[in-house]
Protein backbone atom coordinates (compact mmCIF):
# COMPACT_ATOMS: atom_id res chain seq x y z
CA MET A 1 158.97 6.92 -10.73
CA GLU A 2 160.53 6.52 -7.55
CA SER A 3 158.12 5.62 -4.55
CA ILE A 4 157.59 5.05 -0.87
CA SER A 5 155.28 3.70 1.44
CA LEU A 6 152.91 5.42 3.45
CA SER A 7 154.45 3.80 6.68
CA GLU A 8 157.70 5.20 5.41
CA LEU A 9 156.70 8.56 4.79
CA THR A 10 155.20 8.35 8.29
CA SER A 11 158.63 7.20 9.51
CA GLN A 12 160.40 10.18 8.02
CA ILE A 13 158.01 12.66 9.34
CA GLN A 14 158.10 11.07 12.66
CA GLU A 15 162.20 11.29 12.53
CA THR A 16 162.04 14.67 11.24
CA LEU A 17 159.91 16.00 13.84
CA ARG A 18 161.66 14.17 16.57
CA SER A 19 165.08 15.93 15.25
CA ARG A 20 163.75 19.45 15.40
CA PHE A 21 161.82 19.34 18.37
CA GLU A 22 164.28 17.54 20.82
CA THR A 23 163.16 19.07 23.90
CA PRO A 24 159.87 21.07 24.95
CA VAL A 25 158.65 23.97 23.43
CA TRP A 26 156.64 26.62 25.18
CA ILE A 27 153.33 27.35 23.53
CA ARG A 28 150.58 29.98 24.31
CA ALA A 29 146.95 28.78 23.06
CA GLU A 30 143.41 28.45 24.49
CA ILE A 31 142.05 25.29 25.80
CA SER A 32 139.19 24.25 23.57
CA GLU A 33 137.99 21.00 24.87
CA LEU A 34 139.54 19.08 27.90
CA ARG A 35 138.34 15.46 29.00
CA GLY A 36 140.03 13.87 31.96
CA ASN A 37 139.73 13.09 35.89
CA ALA A 38 142.07 12.72 38.66
CA GLY A 39 144.13 9.50 38.28
CA SER A 40 143.43 9.09 34.68
CA HIS A 41 145.01 10.74 31.19
CA CYS A 42 143.64 14.30 30.09
CA TYR A 43 142.99 14.75 26.59
CA LEU A 44 142.71 18.09 25.34
CA GLU A 45 142.04 20.57 22.20
CA LEU A 46 144.27 23.43 21.66
CA ILE A 47 143.35 26.40 19.54
CA GLU A 48 144.33 29.83 18.26
CA LYS A 49 142.42 32.40 17.17
CA ASP A 50 142.98 35.81 15.73
CA SER A 51 142.46 38.59 18.22
CA LYS A 52 140.60 41.03 16.24
CA SER A 53 138.49 38.75 14.13
CA ASP A 54 138.27 35.61 16.29
CA THR A 55 138.86 33.43 13.38
CA LEU A 56 140.98 30.16 14.08
CA LEU A 57 144.49 30.04 12.95
CA ALA A 58 145.16 26.78 14.22
CA LYS A 59 144.10 23.49 16.20
CA SER A 60 146.07 20.57 17.90
CA LYS A 61 144.92 17.56 20.01
CA ALA A 62 147.04 17.50 23.28
CA THR A 63 147.83 15.14 25.81
CA ILE A 64 148.49 15.18 29.75
CA TRP A 65 149.47 11.58 31.00
CA ALA A 66 148.02 10.75 33.89
CA SER A 67 151.43 10.77 35.87
CA THR A 68 151.63 14.60 34.93
CA PHE A 69 148.37 15.45 35.44
CA ARG A 70 148.44 14.35 38.74
CA ILE A 71 150.75 17.08 39.52
CA LEU A 72 150.19 19.81 37.09
CA LYS A 73 146.49 19.91 38.03
CA PRO A 74 146.80 20.96 41.34
CA PHE A 75 149.98 22.95 40.84
CA PHE A 76 147.88 25.00 38.61
CA GLU A 77 144.81 25.47 40.46
CA SER A 78 146.48 26.25 43.71
CA SER A 79 148.47 28.72 41.98
CA THR A 80 145.69 30.55 39.81
CA GLY A 81 142.66 29.68 42.03
CA GLN A 82 141.20 28.43 38.94
CA THR A 83 139.86 25.17 37.66
CA LEU A 84 141.74 23.91 34.70
CA ARG A 85 139.08 24.02 32.01
CA ALA A 86 138.19 24.59 28.77
CA GLY A 87 138.05 28.56 27.96
CA LEU A 88 141.66 29.03 29.60
CA ASN A 89 144.28 30.46 28.08
CA VAL A 90 147.50 28.74 28.95
CA LEU A 91 151.36 28.86 28.45
CA VAL A 92 152.18 25.01 28.14
CA ALA A 93 155.56 23.01 27.43
CA VAL A 94 155.00 20.51 25.20
CA THR A 95 156.66 17.87 22.93
CA VAL A 96 155.78 17.07 19.45
CA GLU A 97 154.53 13.84 18.51
CA PHE A 98 153.50 12.04 15.30
CA HIS A 99 152.02 8.69 14.99
CA SER A 100 151.79 6.55 11.88
CA VAL A 101 148.29 5.54 13.02
CA TYR A 102 147.10 8.48 15.05
CA GLY A 103 148.94 11.28 13.44
CA PHE A 104 149.80 14.75 14.75
CA SER A 105 149.52 15.48 18.60
CA LEU A 106 151.27 17.48 21.55
CA ASN A 107 152.05 16.25 24.72
CA VAL A 108 152.09 18.71 27.57
CA ARG A 109 154.91 18.26 29.75
CA ASP A 110 154.88 21.40 31.93
CA ILE A 111 152.53 24.62 32.59
CA ASP A 112 153.13 28.31 33.78
CA PRO A 113 150.26 29.15 36.08
CA THR A 114 151.83 33.07 35.84
CA PHE A 115 150.81 33.51 32.32
CA THR A 116 147.04 32.46 33.04
CA VAL A 117 146.74 34.61 36.21
CA GLY A 118 147.70 37.45 33.79
CA GLU A 119 145.07 36.36 30.94
CA MET A 120 142.65 36.20 33.49
CA ALA A 121 143.54 39.64 35.33
CA ALA A 122 143.52 40.83 31.75
CA ARG A 123 140.16 39.35 31.32
CA ARG A 124 138.64 40.31 34.53
CA LEU A 125 139.98 43.81 33.98
CA LYS A 126 138.38 43.81 30.42
CA ILE A 127 134.91 42.76 31.84
CA ILE A 128 135.07 45.52 34.32
CA ARG A 129 135.69 48.42 32.08
CA GLN A 130 133.01 47.19 29.74
CA LEU A 131 130.89 47.40 32.57
CA GLU A 132 132.04 50.62 33.35
CA SER A 133 131.67 51.84 29.69
CA ASP A 134 127.79 49.96 29.56
CA GLY A 135 127.37 52.65 32.85
CA ILE A 136 125.47 49.79 34.59
CA VAL A 137 128.35 49.04 37.23
CA ASP A 138 126.30 50.86 39.84
CA MET A 139 122.56 50.52 38.66
CA ASN A 140 121.75 47.83 41.14
CA LYS A 141 123.12 50.13 44.09
CA GLN A 142 121.39 52.99 43.12
CA LEU A 143 117.88 50.93 44.20
CA ALA A 144 116.64 51.55 47.20
CA LEU A 145 116.35 49.02 49.99
CA PRO A 146 112.98 48.30 51.64
CA LYS A 147 112.65 49.68 54.89
CA LEU A 148 111.44 46.36 56.02
CA VAL A 149 113.02 43.30 54.33
CA GLN A 150 111.23 40.03 54.97
CA ARG A 151 110.44 38.82 51.40
CA ILE A 152 113.71 37.01 50.28
CA ALA A 153 113.95 35.22 47.10
CA ILE A 154 117.34 32.92 47.36
CA ILE A 155 119.41 31.70 44.53
CA SER A 156 121.38 28.76 45.94
CA SER A 157 121.73 25.28 45.82
CA ALA A 158 119.37 23.30 47.92
CA THR A 159 122.04 21.27 49.33
CA ALA A 160 124.46 23.57 50.45
CA ALA A 161 125.93 23.83 53.65
CA GLY A 162 125.87 28.22 53.52
CA TYR A 163 121.98 27.92 52.33
CA GLY A 164 121.38 25.74 55.51
CA ASP A 165 123.43 28.31 57.44
CA PHE A 166 121.34 31.30 56.38
CA CYS A 167 118.02 29.68 56.86
CA ASP A 168 119.20 28.56 60.56
CA GLN A 169 120.41 32.30 61.30
CA LEU A 170 116.97 33.80 60.38
CA GLN A 171 114.67 31.42 62.21
CA ASN A 172 117.06 30.81 65.40
CA ASP A 173 117.58 34.42 65.74
CA PRO A 174 116.20 35.43 69.35
CA SER A 175 114.38 38.54 67.79
CA HIS A 176 112.10 36.00 66.13
CA PHE A 177 111.25 38.21 63.40
CA ALA A 178 109.53 37.01 60.38
CA PHE A 179 110.85 36.36 57.31
CA TYR A 180 109.10 34.63 54.23
CA THR A 181 112.08 32.97 52.01
CA LYS A 182 111.59 31.15 48.79
CA LEU A 183 114.38 28.88 46.93
CA PHE A 184 115.26 29.56 43.51
CA PRO A 185 117.81 26.26 43.23
CA ALA A 186 120.77 26.63 40.54
CA ILE A 187 123.89 25.39 40.29
CA MET A 188 126.75 27.08 42.21
CA GLN A 189 129.95 26.13 40.61
CA GLY A 190 131.38 24.83 37.36
CA ASP A 191 131.00 25.58 33.83
CA GLN A 192 127.17 25.45 34.25
CA ALA A 193 126.75 27.82 37.13
CA GLU A 194 126.56 31.18 35.20
CA VAL A 195 123.96 29.74 32.98
CA SER A 196 121.89 28.39 36.05
CA ILE A 197 122.03 31.52 37.99
CA ILE A 198 120.78 33.62 35.20
CA GLU A 199 117.71 31.13 34.72
CA ALA A 200 117.15 31.39 38.38
CA LEU A 201 117.10 35.06 37.99
CA GLU A 202 114.96 35.29 34.88
CA LYS A 203 112.13 33.10 37.32
CA ILE A 204 112.22 35.37 39.98
CA TYR A 205 111.94 38.41 37.57
CA GLN A 206 108.26 37.02 36.78
CA HIS A 207 107.42 37.33 40.21
CA ASN A 208 109.40 39.98 41.36
CA GLN A 209 106.69 41.87 43.04
CA PHE A 210 106.44 39.15 45.89
CA PHE A 211 109.81 40.10 46.97
CA ASP A 212 111.95 42.81 48.62
CA VAL A 213 115.22 41.47 47.48
CA VAL A 214 117.32 38.85 45.90
CA VAL A 215 119.79 36.92 47.57
CA ILE A 216 122.77 34.92 45.87
CA ILE A 217 124.58 32.98 48.27
CA ARG A 218 126.83 29.70 48.55
CA GLY A 219 128.95 28.21 51.37
CA GLY A 220 132.54 28.20 51.49
CA GLY A 221 134.68 25.98 48.87
CA ALA A 222 137.71 26.20 46.78
CA ILE A 223 138.93 29.27 45.11
CA THR A 224 138.52 27.43 41.75
CA ASP A 225 134.82 26.71 42.24
CA LEU A 226 134.35 30.84 42.18
CA VAL A 227 134.94 31.43 38.43
CA CYS A 228 131.32 31.73 37.34
CA PHE A 229 131.08 34.85 39.32
CA ASP A 230 133.44 37.03 37.18
CA SER A 231 131.01 36.55 34.32
CA TYR A 232 130.00 39.28 32.06
CA ASP A 233 126.59 38.04 31.20
CA LEU A 234 125.78 37.22 34.73
CA ALA A 235 127.16 40.67 35.90
CA VAL A 236 124.81 42.46 33.44
CA ASN A 237 121.83 40.44 34.52
CA CYS A 238 122.40 41.22 37.96
CA ALA A 239 123.11 45.01 37.72
CA GLN A 240 120.55 45.82 35.69
CA PHE A 241 117.66 43.47 37.93
CA PRO A 242 114.86 45.56 39.41
CA LEU A 243 115.50 44.00 42.84
CA PRO A 244 118.61 44.94 45.23
CA ILE A 245 120.71 41.78 44.94
CA ILE A 246 122.75 41.05 48.02
CA THR A 247 125.29 38.54 47.80
CA GLY A 248 127.32 36.00 50.51
CA ILE A 249 129.38 33.77 48.16
CA GLY A 250 131.55 32.89 51.43
CA HIS A 251 135.01 33.43 49.90
CA GLN A 252 138.12 35.38 51.67
CA ARG A 253 139.95 36.71 48.20
CA ASP A 254 139.27 39.72 46.43
CA ILE A 255 135.59 40.48 45.93
CA SER A 256 134.41 39.13 42.42
CA ILE A 257 132.89 41.17 39.44
CA LEU A 258 129.48 39.95 40.85
CA ASP A 259 129.81 41.42 44.35
CA MET A 260 131.31 44.60 42.47
CA VAL A 261 127.95 44.92 40.74
CA ALA A 262 125.62 44.07 43.77
CA HIS A 263 123.62 45.84 45.49
CA THR A 264 125.30 44.91 48.83
CA SER A 265 128.28 42.53 49.12
CA LEU A 266 128.74 40.28 52.34
CA LYS A 267 131.33 37.68 53.00
CA THR A 268 129.50 34.86 54.02
CA PRO A 269 125.71 33.41 54.02
CA THR A 270 125.38 34.11 57.37
CA ALA A 271 126.67 37.50 57.29
CA VAL A 272 123.73 38.08 54.84
CA ALA A 273 121.19 36.61 57.31
CA GLU A 274 122.76 38.79 60.05
CA PHE A 275 122.52 41.93 57.87
CA PHE A 276 118.63 41.43 57.32
CA ILE A 277 117.91 40.87 60.81
CA SER A 278 119.86 43.99 61.71
CA ASN A 279 117.89 45.91 59.16
CA LEU A 280 114.61 44.74 60.99
CA THR A 281 116.19 45.57 64.66
CA ASP A 282 116.98 49.13 63.39
CA ALA A 283 113.55 49.58 62.10
CA GLU A 284 112.15 48.21 65.54
CA TYR A 285 114.27 50.56 67.45
CA LYS A 286 113.52 53.76 65.22
CA LEU A 287 109.57 52.30 65.10
CA LYS A 288 109.87 52.33 69.15
CA SER A 289 112.04 55.60 69.33
CA LEU A 290 109.15 57.30 67.06
CA PHE A 291 106.04 55.64 68.77
CA THR A 292 107.80 56.97 72.74
CA ASP A 293 108.93 60.24 70.92
CA THR A 294 105.13 60.16 69.54
CA ARG A 295 103.55 59.61 73.16
CA PHE A 296 105.82 62.54 74.34
CA ILE A 297 104.73 64.66 72.03
CA VAL A 298 100.69 63.62 72.73
CA ARG A 299 101.40 64.04 76.29
CA LYS A 300 103.04 67.30 75.70
CA ILE A 301 100.05 68.11 73.88
CA LEU A 302 97.65 67.28 75.88
CA GLU A 303 99.38 68.83 79.26
CA ASN A 304 99.41 72.00 76.88
CA GLU A 305 95.64 71.75 75.85
CA SER A 306 94.86 71.01 79.43
CA ARG A 307 96.52 73.81 80.55
CA TYR A 308 95.10 76.05 77.49
CA LEU A 309 91.31 75.01 78.61
CA ILE A 310 91.99 75.78 82.36
CA GLN A 311 93.12 79.31 80.89
CA SER A 312 90.28 79.62 78.46
CA GLN A 313 87.81 78.29 81.49
CA MET A 314 89.81 81.08 83.74
CA ARG A 315 89.55 83.83 80.87
CA ILE A 316 85.93 83.25 80.23
CA LYS A 317 84.85 82.92 83.79
CA GLN A 318 86.42 86.18 84.22
CA THR A 319 85.07 87.62 81.19
CA LEU A 320 81.75 86.50 82.28
CA ARG A 321 82.31 88.00 85.60
CA SER A 322 83.16 91.52 84.11
CA TRP A 323 80.06 91.16 81.63
CA VAL A 324 77.80 90.56 84.66
CA VAL A 325 79.26 93.72 86.83
CA GLN A 326 79.48 95.75 83.83
CA LYS A 327 75.78 94.76 83.12
CA SER A 328 74.86 95.12 86.29
CA HIS A 329 75.98 98.45 86.72
CA LEU A 330 74.15 99.28 83.55
CA LEU A 331 71.31 97.72 84.80
CA GLU A 332 71.29 100.03 88.01
CA ARG A 333 71.87 103.13 85.91
CA GLN A 334 68.76 102.36 83.55
CA LYS A 335 66.84 101.90 86.68
CA SER A 336 67.96 104.88 88.27
CA ARG A 337 67.51 106.84 84.98
CA LEU A 338 64.18 104.99 84.76
CA LYS A 339 62.85 105.90 88.25
CA SER A 340 63.83 109.71 87.58
CA SER A 341 62.32 109.45 84.18
CA VAL A 342 59.11 107.81 86.01
CA ARG A 343 59.04 110.51 89.23
CA LEU A 344 59.64 113.32 86.48
CA GLU A 345 56.72 112.14 84.39
CA LEU A 346 54.91 111.72 87.39
CA VAL A 347 55.28 115.43 88.77
CA LYS A 348 54.25 116.27 84.94
CA GLN A 349 50.98 114.26 84.99
CA LYS A 350 50.21 115.56 88.06
CA ASN A 351 50.62 119.22 87.21
CA LYS A 352 48.41 118.49 84.26
CA LEU A 353 45.72 116.70 86.22
CA VAL A 354 46.07 120.15 88.76
CA LEU A 355 45.75 122.28 85.57
CA LEU A 356 42.89 120.19 83.93
CA GLU A 357 41.24 120.32 87.65
CA LYS A 358 41.49 123.86 87.88
CA ASN A 359 40.26 124.25 84.23
CA ILE A 360 37.13 121.82 84.74
CA GLU A 361 36.61 123.90 88.06
CA SER A 362 36.40 126.95 86.42
CA HIS A 363 34.20 125.88 84.01
CA SER A 364 31.64 123.88 86.12
CA PRO A 365 28.33 124.97 86.93
CA SER A 366 29.42 125.53 90.38
CA PHE A 367 31.75 127.88 89.61
CA LEU A 368 29.54 129.92 87.51
CA LEU A 369 26.89 129.91 90.07
CA LEU A 370 29.44 130.85 92.95
CA HIS A 371 30.10 134.29 90.91
CA GLY A 372 26.64 135.21 90.36
CA TYR A 373 25.64 133.56 87.43
CA THR A 374 22.15 131.68 87.45
CA ILE A 375 21.20 128.31 85.15
CA THR A 376 17.62 127.98 84.28
CA THR A 377 16.06 124.84 82.83
CA LEU A 378 13.01 123.56 81.11
CA ASN A 379 11.99 120.33 81.53
CA GLY A 380 15.65 119.34 82.82
CA LYS A 381 17.13 120.71 79.53
CA ARG A 382 19.31 123.81 80.15
CA ILE A 383 17.73 127.43 78.34
CA THR A 384 20.05 129.05 76.22
CA SER A 385 17.69 131.15 74.06
CA LYS A 386 14.61 132.90 74.43
CA GLN A 387 12.77 130.92 71.71
CA GLN A 388 13.19 128.05 73.89
CA VAL A 389 10.13 128.80 76.06
CA LYS A 390 6.38 130.43 76.08
CA ALA A 391 4.03 131.84 78.10
CA GLY A 392 2.86 129.38 80.56
CA ASP A 393 6.21 127.05 80.55
CA LYS A 394 7.07 126.15 83.98
CA ILE A 395 10.98 126.72 84.53
CA ARG A 396 13.23 126.06 87.27
CA THR A 397 16.22 128.39 88.13
CA TYR A 398 19.45 127.29 89.93
CA VAL A 399 21.58 129.72 92.05
CA HIS A 400 24.69 129.25 94.25
CA ASP A 401 22.62 128.40 97.46
CA GLY A 402 19.57 126.41 96.01
CA GLU A 403 17.08 126.76 93.12
CA PHE A 404 13.56 127.95 92.67
CA GLY A 405 10.86 127.46 90.34
CA SER A 406 8.67 130.18 88.22
CA GLU A 407 6.41 130.30 85.30
CA VAL A 408 6.73 132.44 82.27
CA THR A 409 4.32 135.28 82.22
CA ASP A 410 5.71 136.78 79.30
């Protein structure tokens, strides 16, 4: 049986590949791993997955030698606005390498940034459509911003210039409004930023009753540092957060997905601080206007009440005067009627007295005596019957011009 050594086999494979792939080949792949810094070689792992099942179809090691990496990295990042990192879909020109010891690998010679830009745009659009399908794009925007925003939870890096600018703007404003700020530190760029920001949101959620709003800010930086803000998971957490979220990421490019779902999106941390100051300034102005209007209304009410009281006093005085006059007239009429009644009663009583006097006079002994009648008494008692006397009684007789005594004989 004819045989060859392993080295001879690997040499034949190497020769076959070299002859078959004399020129670089453009391939589409996803970077699953990337190790390497500026000035050193870059080692990658390229993979391909099934678009429907996400099953791994192919995998290969790849290398970008330092001389090439120094050129490709800045070219790619300036063209796409993205860091060359794991998770990106790329279109790269590679040469096929096979080493008898290290095996099969690819040597990256060139990269097409327009392909990645298209992939990123497609991915971004897919995330936006998913958020719209979920019905949560406008959820945070629908929250009412408090009338007075003073208790602010801040997600930022403690050492970020943007965080310092934000705090300085609040503290040094001439209006001297009082703000309570609490920093929840987070990584604001790189692969760990998304997870770090979500963790900060979770901490705020545990104490959300102590805050009016959440602010996510960072200072200016390279466009490649802002990839984390186009994350679906971060957008979902922010869209459904129970407090209004204000962003000031410090970029001038198209808004990020985080900006789209936030309650209010502003360009810089300083602009966010000015937004809060303006909010309190407007509230102060409205309060002063309301106070002025209230004072004016109260003054008008008091003036109207004063006029009403004066008018009421005048009406009362006039009513009392009319009442007194009316009662005075009534009293005079009653007095006149009383006088007439008394006068009439006196006349009636006088006439009665006259009649009584005449009646008495007509029945008096003197009246009877004057008309020829006499009165006879026995022992001072008038005699009205013969049975009252007997012979021998001494009696006395009265006539109109005197009296005389006599004795009964029969």
